[in-house]
PDB file of N, CA and C in Angstrom:
ATOM      1  N   MET A   1      -8.637  -9.704 -32.340  1.00  0.00           N
ATOM      2  CA  MET A   1      -9.128  -9.693 -30.984  1.00  0.00           C
ATOM      3  C   MET A   1     -10.646  -9.583 -31.021  1.00  0.00           C
ATOM      4  N   SER A   2     -11.298 -10.327 -30.166  1.00  0.00           N
ATOM      5  CA  SER A   2     -12.756 -10.313 -30.144  1.00  0.00           C
ATOM      6  C   SER A   2     -13.267  -9.096 -29.378  1.00  0.00           C
ATOM      7  N   ASN A   3     -14.561  -8.853 -29.490  1.00  0.00           N
ATOM      8  CA  ASN A   3     -15.169  -7.689 -28.852  1.00  0.00           C
ATOM      9  C   ASN A   3     -15.352  -7.853 -27.350  1.00  0.00           C
ATOM     10  N   ASP A   4     -15.166  -9.052 -26.817  1.00  0.00           N
ATOM     11  CA  ASP A   4     -15.373  -9.243 -25.380  1.00  0.00           C
ATOM     12  C   ASP A   4     -14.093  -9.083 -24.568  1.00  0.00           C
ATOM     13  N   THR A   5     -13.010  -8.624 -25.182  1.00  0.00           N
ATOM     14  CA  THR A   5     -11.769  -8.368 -24.454  1.00  0.00           C
ATOM     15  C   THR A   5     -11.388  -6.901 -24.590  1.00  0.00           C
ATOM     16  N   LYS A   6     -10.574  -6.446 -23.642  1.00  0.00           N
ATOM     17  CA  LYS A   6     -10.116  -5.067 -23.647  1.00  0.00           C
ATOM     18  C   LYS A   6      -8.631  -5.049 -23.326  1.00  0.00           C
ATOM     19  N   ASP A   7      -7.886  -4.235 -24.067  1.00  0.00           N
ATOM     20  CA  ASP A   7      -6.443  -4.107 -23.873  1.00  0.00           C
ATOM     21  C   ASP A   7      -6.120  -2.867 -23.051  1.00  0.00           C
ATOM     22  N   TYR A   8      -5.125  -3.010 -22.191  1.00  0.00           N
ATOM     23  CA  TYR A   8      -4.584  -1.897 -21.427  1.00  0.00           C
ATOM     24  C   TYR A   8      -3.085  -1.874 -21.644  1.00  0.00           C
ATOM     25  N   ALA A   9      -2.485  -0.723 -21.411  1.00  0.00           N
ATOM     26  CA  ALA A   9      -1.024  -0.571 -21.463  1.00  0.00           C
ATOM     27  C   ALA A   9      -0.462  -1.042 -22.790  1.00  0.00           C
ATOM     28  N   GLY A  10      -1.108  -0.646 -23.865  1.00  0.00           N
ATOM     29  CA  GLY A  10      -0.591  -0.977 -25.191  1.00  0.00           C
ATOM     30  C   GLY A  10      -0.601  -2.460 -25.494  1.00  0.00           C
ATOM     31  N   GLY A  11      -1.533  -3.204 -24.941  1.00  0.00           N
ATOM     32  CA  GLY A  11      -1.636  -4.628 -25.219  1.00  0.00           C
ATOM     33  C   GLY A  11      -0.925  -5.530 -24.233  1.00  0.00           C
ATOM     34  N   TRP A  12      -0.269  -4.962 -23.226  1.00  0.00           N
ATOM     35  CA  TRP A  12       0.430  -5.780 -22.235  1.00  0.00           C
ATOM     36  C   TRP A  12      -0.538  -6.455 -21.282  1.00  0.00           C
ATOM     37  N   ILE A  13      -1.705  -5.850 -21.080  1.00  0.00           N
ATOM     38  CA  ILE A  13      -2.719  -6.416 -20.191  1.00  0.00           C
ATOM     39  C   ILE A  13      -4.002  -6.575 -20.984  1.00  0.00           C
ATOM     40  N   THR A  14      -4.563  -7.775 -20.979  1.00  0.00           N
ATOM     41  CA  THR A  14      -5.819  -8.049 -21.667  1.00  0.00           C
ATOM     42  C   THR A  14      -6.782  -8.672 -20.667  1.00  0.00           C
ATOM     43  N   GLU A  15      -8.014  -8.194 -20.664  1.00  0.00           N
ATOM     44  CA  GLU A  15      -9.015  -8.772 -19.774  1.00  0.00           C
ATOM     45  C   GLU A  15     -10.341  -8.875 -20.501  1.00  0.00           C
ATOM     46  N   LYS A  16     -11.168  -9.782 -20.032  1.00  0.00           N
ATOM     47  CA  LYS A  16     -12.522  -9.891 -20.562  1.00  0.00           C
ATOM     48  C   LYS A  16     -13.367  -8.786 -19.958  1.00  0.00           C
ATOM     49  N   LYS A  17     -14.237  -8.214 -20.762  1.00  0.00           N
ATOM     50  CA  LYS A  17     -15.117  -7.158 -20.272  1.00  0.00           C
ATOM     51  C   LYS A  17     -16.075  -7.735 -19.238  1.00  0.00           C
ATOM     52  N   GLY A  18     -16.289  -6.975 -18.165  1.00  0.00           N
ATOM     53  CA  GLY A  18     -17.228  -7.385 -17.134  1.00  0.00           C
ATOM     54  C   GLY A  18     -16.684  -8.364 -16.114  1.00  0.00           C
ATOM     55  N   THR A  19     -15.388  -8.695 -16.176  1.00  0.00           N
ATOM     56  CA  THR A  19     -14.831  -9.624 -15.190  1.00  0.00           C
ATOM     57  C   THR A  19     -14.548  -8.897 -13.883  1.00  0.00           C
ATOM     58  N   ASP A  20     -14.549  -9.631 -12.806  1.00  0.00           N
ATOM     59  CA  ASP A  20     -14.329  -9.086 -11.478  1.00  0.00           C
ATOM     60  C   ASP A  20     -12.886  -9.343 -11.054  1.00  0.00           C
ATOM     61  N   VAL A  21     -12.445  -8.634 -10.029  1.00  0.00           N
ATOM     62  CA  VAL A  21     -11.110  -8.847  -9.470  1.00  0.00           C
ATOM     63  C   VAL A  21     -11.093 -10.214  -8.794  1.00  0.00           C
ATOM     64  N   PRO A  22     -10.040 -11.025  -9.006  1.00  0.00           N
ATOM     65  CA  PRO A  22      -9.975 -12.351  -8.374  1.00  0.00           C
ATOM     66  C   PRO A  22     -10.023 -12.252  -6.841  1.00  0.00           C
ATOM     67  N   PRO A  23     -10.639 -13.249  -6.194  1.00  0.00           N
ATOM     68  CA  PRO A  23     -10.789 -13.199  -4.723  1.00  0.00           C
ATOM     69  C   PRO A  23      -9.466 -13.103  -3.965  1.00  0.00           C
ATOM     70  N   PHE A  24      -8.405 -13.754  -4.450  1.00  0.00           N
ATOM     71  CA  PHE A  24      -7.139 -13.685  -3.719  1.00  0.00           C
ATOM     72  C   PHE A  24      -6.577 -12.269  -3.739  1.00  0.00           C
ATOM     73  N   LEU A  25      -6.842 -11.508  -4.806  1.00  0.00           N
ATOM     74  CA  LEU A  25      -6.394 -10.119  -4.831  1.00  0.00           C
ATOM     75  C   LEU A  25      -7.250  -9.249  -3.917  1.00  0.00           C
ATOM     76  N   LYS A  26      -8.533  -9.588  -3.795  1.00  0.00           N
ATOM     77  CA  LYS A  26      -9.390  -8.843  -2.873  1.00  0.00           C
ATOM     78  C   LYS A  26      -8.910  -9.009  -1.435  1.00  0.00           C
ATOM     79  N   LEU A  27      -8.284 -10.124  -1.128  1.00  0.00           N
ATOM     80  CA  LEU A  27      -7.714 -10.343   0.195  1.00  0.00           C
ATOM     81  C   LEU A  27      -6.298  -9.777   0.285  1.00  0.00           C
ATOM     82  N   ALA A  28      -5.529  -9.914  -0.787  1.00  0.00           N
ATOM     83  CA  ALA A  28      -4.130  -9.488  -0.760  1.00  0.00           C
ATOM     84  C   ALA A  28      -3.987  -7.971  -0.663  1.00  0.00           C
ATOM     85  N   PHE A  29      -4.830  -7.221  -1.363  1.00  0.00           N
ATOM     86  CA  PHE A  29      -4.702  -5.763  -1.348  1.00  0.00           C
ATOM     87  C   PHE A  29      -4.783  -5.177   0.062  1.00  0.00           C
ATOM     88  N   PRO A  30      -5.812  -5.497   0.854  1.00  0.00           N
ATOM     89  CA  PRO A  30      -5.841  -4.902   2.197  1.00  0.00           C
ATOM     90  C   PRO A  30      -4.747  -5.440   3.119  1.00  0.00           C
ATOM     91  N   VAL A  31      -4.397  -6.714   2.996  1.00  0.00           N
ATOM     92  CA  VAL A  31      -3.362  -7.283   3.862  1.00  0.00           C
ATOM     93  C   VAL A  31      -2.018  -6.607   3.597  1.00  0.00           C
ATOM     94  N   ILE A  32      -1.651  -6.470   2.333  1.00  0.00           N
ATOM     95  CA  ILE A  32      -0.375  -5.833   1.988  1.00  0.00           C
ATOM     96  C   ILE A  32      -0.392  -4.361   2.378  1.00  0.00           C
ATOM     97  N   GLY A  33      -1.478  -3.679   2.067  1.00  0.00           N
ATOM     98  CA  GLY A  33      -1.568  -2.255   2.385  1.00  0.00           C
ATOM     99  C   GLY A  33      -1.512  -1.981   3.875  1.00  0.00           C
ATOM    100  N   LEU A  34      -2.283  -2.724   4.649  1.00  0.00           N
ATOM    101  CA  LEU A  34      -2.284  -2.521   6.099  1.00  0.00           C
ATOM    102  C   LEU A  34      -0.955  -2.932   6.732  1.00  0.00           C
ATOM    103  N   SER A  35      -0.291  -3.935   6.157  1.00  0.00           N
ATOM    104  CA  SER A  35       1.038  -4.322   6.652  1.00  0.00           C
ATOM    105  C   SER A  35       2.047  -3.203   6.423  1.00  0.00           C
ATOM    106  N   CYS A  36       1.978  -2.565   5.275  1.00  0.00           N
ATOM    107  CA  CYS A  36       2.883  -1.444   4.989  1.00  0.00           C
ATOM    108  C   CYS A  36       2.624  -0.271   5.931  1.00  0.00           C
ATOM    109  N   ILE A  37       1.353   0.026   6.179  1.00  0.00           N
ATOM    110  CA  ILE A  37       1.015   1.112   7.095  1.00  0.00           C
ATOM    111  C   ILE A  37       1.500   0.786   8.510  1.00  0.00           C
ATOM    112  N   ALA A  38       1.307  -0.450   8.943  1.00  0.00           N
ATOM    113  CA  ALA A  38       1.774  -0.856  10.272  1.00  0.00           C
ATOM    114  C   ALA A  38       3.293  -0.733  10.375  1.00  0.00           C
ATOM    115  N   TYR A  39       4.010  -1.117   9.327  1.00  0.00           N
ATOM    116  CA  TYR A  39       5.473  -1.007   9.324  1.00  0.00           C
ATOM    117  C   TYR A  39       5.898   0.454   9.453  1.00  0.00           C
ATOM    118  N   ILE A  40       5.219   1.343   8.718  1.00  0.00           N
ATOM    119  CA  ILE A  40       5.559   2.769   8.783  1.00  0.00           C
ATOM    120  C   ILE A  40       5.367   3.299  10.203  1.00  0.00           C
ATOM    121  N   VAL A  41       4.260   2.942  10.830  1.00  0.00           N
ATOM    122  CA  VAL A  41       3.956   3.467  12.165  1.00  0.00           C
ATOM    123  C   VAL A  41       4.870   2.843  13.223  1.00  0.00           C
ATOM    124  N   ILE A  42       5.098   1.536  13.137  1.00  0.00           N
ATOM    125  CA  ILE A  42       5.914   0.856  14.152  1.00  0.00           C
ATOM    126  C   ILE A  42       7.370   1.310  14.098  1.00  0.00           C
ATOM    127  N   TYR A  43       7.919   1.453  12.898  1.00  0.00           N
ATOM    128  CA  TYR A  43       9.340   1.784  12.759  1.00  0.00           C
ATOM    129  C   TYR A  43       9.564   3.226  12.323  1.00  0.00           C
ATOM    130  N   MET A  44       8.668   4.142  12.700  1.00  0.00           N
ATOM    131  CA  MET A  44       8.817   5.529  12.258  1.00  0.00           C
ATOM    132  C   MET A  44      10.064   6.191  12.835  1.00  0.00           C
ATOM    133  N   ASN A  45      10.531   5.736  13.972  1.00  0.00           N
ATOM    134  CA  ASN A  45      11.750   6.289  14.569  1.00  0.00           C
ATOM    135  C   ASN A  45      12.921   5.328  14.474  1.00  0.00           C
ATOM    136  N   GLY A  46      12.819   4.320  13.659  1.00  0.00           N
ATOM    137  CA  GLY A  46      13.877   3.337  13.529  1.00  0.00           C
ATOM    138  C   GLY A  46      13.701   2.203  14.523  1.00  0.00           C
ATOM    139  N   GLU A  47      14.639   1.312  14.515  1.00  0.00           N
ATOM    140  CA  GLU A  47      14.579   0.133  15.388  1.00  0.00           C
ATOM    141  C   GLU A  47      15.302   0.458  16.693  1.00  0.00           C
ATOM    142  N   ILE A  48      14.663   1.280  17.525  1.00  0.00           N
ATOM    143  CA  ILE A  48      15.317   1.775  18.739  1.00  0.00           C
ATOM    144  C   ILE A  48      15.425   0.723  19.834  1.00  0.00           C
ATOM    145  N   GLY A  49      14.664  -0.350  19.757  1.00  0.00           N
ATOM    146  CA  GLY A  49      14.708  -1.388  20.778  1.00  0.00           C
ATOM    147  C   GLY A  49      15.699  -2.500  20.490  1.00  0.00           C
ATOM    148  N   HIS A  50      16.390  -2.449  19.358  1.00  0.00           N
ATOM    149  CA  HIS A  50      17.336  -3.502  18.999  1.00  0.00           C
ATOM    150  C   HIS A  50      18.566  -3.425  19.898  1.00  0.00           C
ATOM    151  N   ALA A  51      19.097  -4.584  20.269  1.00  0.00           N
ATOM    152  CA  ALA A  51      20.219  -4.632  21.212  1.00  0.00           C
ATOM    153  C   ALA A  51      21.477  -3.965  20.655  1.00  0.00           C
ATOM    154  N   GLU A  52      21.792  -4.189  19.385  1.00  0.00           N
ATOM    155  CA  GLU A  52      23.027  -3.644  18.814  1.00  0.00           C
ATOM    156  C   GLU A  52      22.814  -2.289  18.147  1.00  0.00           C
ATOM    157  N   ARG A  53      21.774  -2.175  17.325  1.00  0.00           N
ATOM    158  CA  ARG A  53      21.563  -0.944  16.566  1.00  0.00           C
ATOM    159  C   ARG A  53      20.794   0.114  17.343  1.00  0.00           C
ATOM    160  N   GLY A  54      20.096  -0.278  18.372  1.00  0.00           N
ATOM    161  CA  GLY A  54      19.247   0.645  19.121  1.00  0.00           C
ATOM    162  C   GLY A  54      19.941   1.903  19.615  1.00  0.00           C
ATOM    163  N   PRO A  55      21.096   1.775  20.296  1.00  0.00           N
ATOM    164  CA  PRO A  55      21.776   2.988  20.772  1.00  0.00           C
ATOM    165  C   PRO A  55      22.193   3.928  19.640  1.00  0.00           C
ATOM    166  N   LEU A  56      22.636   3.371  18.527  1.00  0.00           N
ATOM    167  CA  LEU A  56      23.020   4.219  17.391  1.00  0.00           C
ATOM    168  C   LEU A  56      21.806   4.930  16.797  1.00  0.00           C
ATOM    169  N   VAL A  57      20.705   4.219  16.708  1.00  0.00           N
ATOM    170  CA  VAL A  57      19.484   4.817  16.166  1.00  0.00           C
ATOM    171  C   VAL A  57      18.992   5.926  17.089  1.00  0.00           C
ATOM    172  N   ARG A  58      19.049   5.709  18.398  1.00  0.00           N
ATOM    173  CA  ARG A  58      18.620   6.741  19.344  1.00  0.00           C
ATOM    174  C   ARG A  58      19.522   7.974  19.256  1.00  0.00           C
ATOM    175  N   GLN A  59      20.841   7.765  19.078  1.00  0.00           N
ATOM    176  CA  GLN A  59      21.754   8.900  18.918  1.00  0.00           C
ATOM    177  C   GLN A  59      21.443   9.677  17.646  1.00  0.00           C
ATOM    178  N   LEU A  60      21.174   8.970  16.567  1.00  0.00           N
ATOM    179  CA  LEU A  60      20.833   9.636  15.307  1.00  0.00           C
ATOM    180  C   LEU A  60      19.524  10.407  15.449  1.00  0.00           C
ATOM    181  N   ASN A  61      18.540   9.813  16.109  1.00  0.00           N
ATOM    182  CA  ASN A  61      17.263  10.502  16.325  1.00  0.00           C
ATOM    183  C   ASN A  61      17.455  11.759  17.170  1.00  0.00           C
ATOM    184  N   ALA A  62      18.338  11.687  18.180  1.00  0.00           N
ATOM    185  CA  ALA A  62      18.594  12.855  19.021  1.00  0.00           C
ATOM    186  C   ALA A  62      19.281  13.964  18.227  1.00  0.00           C
ATOM    187  N   ALA A  63      20.159  13.582  17.311  1.00  0.00           N
ATOM    188  CA  ALA A  63      20.892  14.574  16.525  1.00  0.00           C
ATOM    189  C   ALA A  63      20.040  15.187  15.419  1.00  0.00           C
ATOM    190  N   THR A  64      19.151  14.406  14.830  1.00  0.00           N
ATOM    191  CA  THR A  64      18.390  14.898  13.674  1.00  0.00           C
ATOM    192  C   THR A  64      16.976  15.335  14.023  1.00  0.00           C
ATOM    193  N   GLY A  65      16.476  14.942  15.163  1.00  0.00           N
ATOM    194  CA  GLY A  65      15.115  15.311  15.554  1.00  0.00           C
ATOM    195  C   GLY A  65      14.110  14.267  15.112  1.00  0.00           C
ATOM    196  N   ALA A  66      12.945  14.327  15.733  1.00  0.00           N
ATOM    197  CA  ALA A  66      11.889  13.354  15.437  1.00  0.00           C
ATOM    198  C   ALA A  66      11.097  13.800  14.209  1.00  0.00           C
ATOM    199  N   SER A  67      10.574  12.831  13.512  1.00  0.00           N
ATOM    200  CA  SER A  67       9.761  13.116  12.323  1.00  0.00           C
ATOM    201  C   SER A  67       8.399  12.440  12.443  1.00  0.00           C
ATOM    202  N   ASP A  68       7.886  12.360  13.666  1.00  0.00           N
ATOM    203  CA  ASP A  68       6.628  11.648  13.892  1.00  0.00           C
ATOM    204  C   ASP A  68       5.473  12.231  13.083  1.00  0.00           C
ATOM    205  N   THR A  69       5.340  13.547  13.068  1.00  0.00           N
ATOM    206  CA  THR A  69       4.235  14.172  12.336  1.00  0.00           C
ATOM    207  C   THR A  69       4.301  13.827  10.857  1.00  0.00           C
ATOM    208  N   PHE A  70       5.486  13.933  10.283  1.00  0.00           N
ATOM    209  CA  PHE A  70       5.649  13.611   8.864  1.00  0.00           C
ATOM    210  C   PHE A  70       5.306  12.150   8.589  1.00  0.00           C
ATOM    211  N   MET A  71       5.759  11.255   9.456  1.00  0.00           N
ATOM    212  CA  MET A  71       5.490   9.835   9.237  1.00  0.00           C
ATOM    213  C   MET A  71       4.009   9.509   9.406  1.00  0.00           C
ATOM    214  N   TYR A  72       3.320  10.195  10.309  1.00  0.00           N
ATOM    215  CA  TYR A  72       1.869   9.999  10.421  1.00  0.00           C
ATOM    216  C   TYR A  72       1.155  10.501   9.167  1.00  0.00           C
ATOM    217  N   ILE A  73       1.660  11.582   8.581  1.00  0.00           N
ATOM    218  CA  ILE A  73       1.084  12.075   7.320  1.00  0.00           C
ATOM    219  C   ILE A  73       1.304  11.053   6.214  1.00  0.00           C
ATOM    220  N   VAL A  74       2.501  10.480   6.148  1.00  0.00           N
ATOM    221  CA  VAL A  74       2.787   9.443   5.147  1.00  0.00           C
ATOM    222  C   VAL A  74       1.878   8.234   5.365  1.00  0.00           C
ATOM    223  N   ALA A  75       1.693   7.825   6.614  1.00  0.00           N
ATOM    224  CA  ALA A  75       0.805   6.693   6.915  1.00  0.00           C
ATOM    225  C   ALA A  75      -0.636   7.017   6.531  1.00  0.00           C
ATOM    226  N   ALA A  76      -1.069   8.260   6.748  1.00  0.00           N
ATOM    227  CA  ALA A  76      -2.428   8.656   6.362  1.00  0.00           C
ATOM    228  C   ALA A  76      -2.593   8.634   4.846  1.00  0.00           C
ATOM    229  N   LEU A  77      -1.579   9.076   4.113  1.00  0.00           N
ATOM    230  CA  LEU A  77      -1.634   9.008   2.649  1.00  0.00           C
ATOM    231  C   LEU A  77      -1.682   7.558   2.176  1.00  0.00           C
ATOM    232  N   ALA A  78      -0.905   6.697   2.822  1.00  0.00           N
ATOM    233  CA  ALA A  78      -0.940   5.274   2.468  1.00  0.00           C
ATOM    234  C   ALA A  78      -2.305   4.678   2.772  1.00  0.00           C
ATOM    235  N   ALA A  79      -2.909   5.075   3.884  1.00  0.00           N
ATOM    236  CA  ALA A  79      -4.246   4.580   4.228  1.00  0.00           C
ATOM    237  C   ALA A  79      -5.278   5.056   3.211  1.00  0.00           C
ATOM    238  N   ALA A  80      -5.166   6.302   2.769  1.00  0.00           N
ATOM    239  CA  ALA A  80      -6.080   6.811   1.741  1.00  0.00           C
ATOM    240  C   ALA A  80      -5.915   6.028   0.443  1.00  0.00           C
ATOM    241  N   PHE A  81      -4.673   5.680   0.109  1.00  0.00           N
ATOM    242  CA  PHE A  81      -4.430   4.885  -1.094  1.00  0.00           C
ATOM    243  C   PHE A  81      -5.052   3.497  -0.966  1.00  0.00           C
ATOM    244  N   VAL A  82      -4.895   2.876   0.200  1.00  0.00           N
ATOM    245  CA  VAL A  82      -5.480   1.542   0.418  1.00  0.00           C
ATOM    246  C   VAL A  82      -6.996   1.606   0.299  1.00  0.00           C
ATOM    247  N   VAL A  83      -7.614   2.626   0.875  1.00  0.00           N
ATOM    248  CA  VAL A  83      -9.071   2.770   0.786  1.00  0.00           C
ATOM    249  C   VAL A  83      -9.504   2.957  -0.663  1.00  0.00           C
ATOM    250  N   THR A  84      -8.755   3.747  -1.422  1.00  0.00           N
ATOM    251  CA  THR A  84      -9.082   3.961  -2.835  1.00  0.00           C
ATOM    252  C   THR A  84      -8.962   2.671  -3.631  1.00  0.00           C
ATOM    253  N   VAL A  85      -7.889   1.923  -3.407  1.00  0.00           N
ATOM    254  CA  VAL A  85      -7.711   0.648  -4.112  1.00  0.00           C
ATOM    255  C   VAL A  85      -8.833  -0.316  -3.751  1.00  0.00           C
ATOM    256  N   LEU A  86      -9.201  -0.367  -2.480  1.00  0.00           N
ATOM    257  CA  LEU A  86     -10.289  -1.256  -2.070  1.00  0.00           C
ATOM    258  C   LEU A  86     -11.626  -0.827  -2.665  1.00  0.00           C
ATOM    259  N   ALA A  87     -11.841   0.469  -2.800  1.00  0.00           N
ATOM    260  CA  ALA A  87     -13.087   0.946  -3.411  1.00  0.00           C
ATOM    261  C   ALA A  87     -13.184   0.468  -4.854  1.00  0.00           C
ATOM    262  N   PHE A  88     -12.081   0.541  -5.588  1.00  0.00           N
ATOM    263  CA  PHE A  88     -12.087   0.050  -6.965  1.00  0.00           C
ATOM    264  C   PHE A  88     -12.158  -1.473  -7.015  1.00  0.00           C
ATOM    265  N   THR A  89     -11.523  -2.134  -6.056  1.00  0.00           N
ATOM    266  CA  THR A  89     -11.512  -3.597  -6.039  1.00  0.00           C
ATOM    267  C   THR A  89     -12.903  -4.167  -5.802  1.00  0.00           C
ATOM    268  N   TYR A  90     -13.642  -3.572  -4.881  1.00  0.00           N
ATOM    269  CA  TYR A  90     -14.946  -4.114  -4.521  1.00  0.00           C
ATOM    270  C   TYR A  90     -16.108  -3.478  -5.281  1.00  0.00           C
ATOM    271  N   SER A  91     -15.817  -2.543  -6.184  1.00  0.00           N
ATOM    272  CA  SER A  91     -16.899  -1.977  -6.990  1.00  0.00           C
ATOM    273  C   SER A  91     -17.262  -2.948  -8.111  1.00  0.00           C
ATOM    274  N   LYS A  92     -18.433  -2.764  -8.674  1.00  0.00           N
ATOM    275  CA  LYS A  92     -18.870  -3.645  -9.758  1.00  0.00           C
ATOM    276  C   LYS A  92     -18.027  -3.376 -10.999  1.00  0.00           C
ATOM    277  N   PRO A  93     -17.695  -4.423 -11.751  1.00  0.00           N
ATOM    278  CA  PRO A  93     -16.931  -4.209 -12.982  1.00  0.00           C
ATOM    279  C   PRO A  93     -17.782  -3.458 -14.004  1.00  0.00           C
ATOM    280  N   HIS A  94     -17.137  -2.599 -14.735  1.00  0.00           N
ATOM    281  CA  HIS A  94     -17.855  -1.849 -15.767  1.00  0.00           C
ATOM    282  C   HIS A  94     -17.700  -2.559 -17.104  1.00  0.00           C
ATOM    283  N   GLY A  95     -18.574  -2.305 -17.996  1.00  0.00           N
ATOM    284  CA  GLY A  95     -18.607  -3.056 -19.247  1.00  0.00           C
ATOM    285  C   GLY A  95     -17.920  -2.405 -20.421  1.00  0.00           C
ATOM    286  N   ASP A  96     -17.251  -1.269 -20.239  1.00  0.00           N
ATOM    287  CA  ASP A  96     -16.634  -0.625 -21.407  1.00  0.00           C
ATOM    288  C   ASP A  96     -15.308  -1.190 -21.769  1.00  0.00           C
TER     289      ASP A  96
END
Protein backbone atom coordinates (compact mmCIF):
# COMPACT_ATOMS: atom_id res chain seq x y z
CA MET A 1 0.00 0.00 0.00
CA SER A 2 1.31 3.43 -0.86
CA ASN A 3 1.74 6.28 1.60
CA ASP A 4 -1.09 8.33 0.10
CA THR A 5 -3.83 5.93 1.25
CA LYS A 6 -5.25 5.18 4.67
CA ASP A 7 -7.07 2.07 5.89
CA TYR A 8 -10.02 2.03 8.27
CA ALA A 9 -11.91 -0.86 9.84
CA GLY A 10 -9.10 -3.34 9.40
CA GLY A 11 -8.69 -2.67 5.69
CA TRP A 12 -12.38 -2.75 4.74
CA ILE A 13 -12.33 0.97 3.91
CA THR A 14 -9.46 2.61 2.04
CA GLU A 15 -9.27 6.28 1.12
CA LYS A 16 -6.71 8.67 -0.26
CA LYS A 17 -5.34 11.10 2.29
CA GLY A 18 -6.76 14.60 1.96
CA THR A 19 -9.83 13.61 -0.06
CA ASP A 20 -13.15 15.32 0.57
CA VAL A 21 -16.60 13.81 1.08
CA PRO A 22 -18.33 13.32 -2.32
CA PRO A 23 -20.94 16.01 -3.16
CA PHE A 24 -23.84 13.54 -3.36
CA LEU A 25 -23.15 12.48 0.23
CA LYS A 26 -23.01 16.12 1.32
CA LEU A 27 -26.57 16.39 0.00
CA ALA A 28 -27.75 12.94 1.09
CA PHE A 29 -26.74 13.26 4.75
CA PRO A 30 -28.98 16.24 5.59
CA VAL A 31 -31.87 15.02 3.42
CA ILE A 32 -31.92 11.58 5.05
CA GLY A 33 -31.39 12.96 8.54
CA LEU A 34 -34.06 15.63 8.29
CA SER A 35 -36.49 13.12 6.74
CA CYS A 36 -35.99 10.80 9.71
CA ILE A 37 -36.54 13.65 12.17
CA ALA A 38 -39.70 14.72 10.31
CA TYR A 39 -41.00 11.13 10.41
CA ILE A 40 -40.40 10.94 14.17
CA VAL A 41 -42.25 14.20 14.81
CA ILE A 42 -45.13 13.58 12.38
CA TYR A 43 -45.86 10.02 13.53
CA MET A 44 -44.94 10.35 17.22
CA ASN A 45 -48.46 9.28 18.23
CA GLY A 46 -48.96 6.79 15.42
CA GLU A 47 -51.06 7.10 12.30
CA ILE A 48 -54.15 8.47 14.05
CA GLY A 49 -55.67 9.96 10.89
CA HIS A 50 -55.79 6.69 8.94
CA ALA A 51 -59.30 5.51 8.06
CA GLU A 52 -58.84 1.89 9.20
CA ARG A 53 -56.01 1.96 11.75
CA GLY A 54 -56.74 5.39 13.21
CA PRO A 55 -59.39 4.35 15.76
CA LEU A 56 -57.23 1.48 17.02
CA VAL A 57 -54.20 3.73 17.34
CA ARG A 58 -56.23 6.33 19.25
CA GLN A 59 -57.52 3.61 21.62
CA LEU A 60 -53.99 2.37 22.23
CA ASN A 61 -52.77 5.93 22.85
CA ALA A 62 -55.62 6.47 25.34
CA ALA A 63 -54.75 3.25 27.18
CA THR A 64 -50.98 3.72 27.27
CA GLY A 65 -50.67 7.50 27.48
CA ALA A 66 -48.87 10.00 25.30
CA SER A 67 -45.11 9.98 24.85
CA ASP A 68 -44.73 13.38 23.19
CA THR A 69 -41.96 14.60 25.51
CA PHE A 70 -39.92 11.45 24.99
CA MET A 71 -40.35 11.60 21.22
CA TYR A 72 -39.28 15.26 21.15
CA ILE A 73 -36.16 14.26 23.11
CA VAL A 74 -35.47 11.50 20.57
CA ALA A 75 -35.97 14.00 17.71
CA ALA A 76 -33.59 16.45 19.43
CA LEU A 77 -30.95 13.72 19.77
CA ALA A 78 -31.39 12.86 16.10
CA ALA A 79 -31.03 16.54 15.20
CA ALA A 80 -27.82 16.76 17.25
CA PHE A 81 -26.52 13.71 15.40
CA VAL A 82 -27.36 15.26 12.01
CA VAL A 83 -25.58 18.49 12.99
CA THR A 84 -22.52 16.51 14.11
CA VAL A 85 -22.41 14.50 10.88
CA LEU A 86 -22.75 17.68 8.84
CA ALA A 87 -19.96 19.34 10.81
CA PHE A 88 -17.63 16.47 9.93
CA THR A 89 -18.92 16.34 6.34
CA TYR A 90 -18.27 20.00 5.61
CA SER A 91 -15.02 20.32 7.56
CA LYS A 92 -11.72 20.30 5.71
CA PRO A 93 -10.18 16.86 5.23
CA HIS A 94 -7.23 16.16 7.46
CA GLY A 95 -4.00 14.76 6.15
CA ASP A 96 -3.19 12.04 8.67
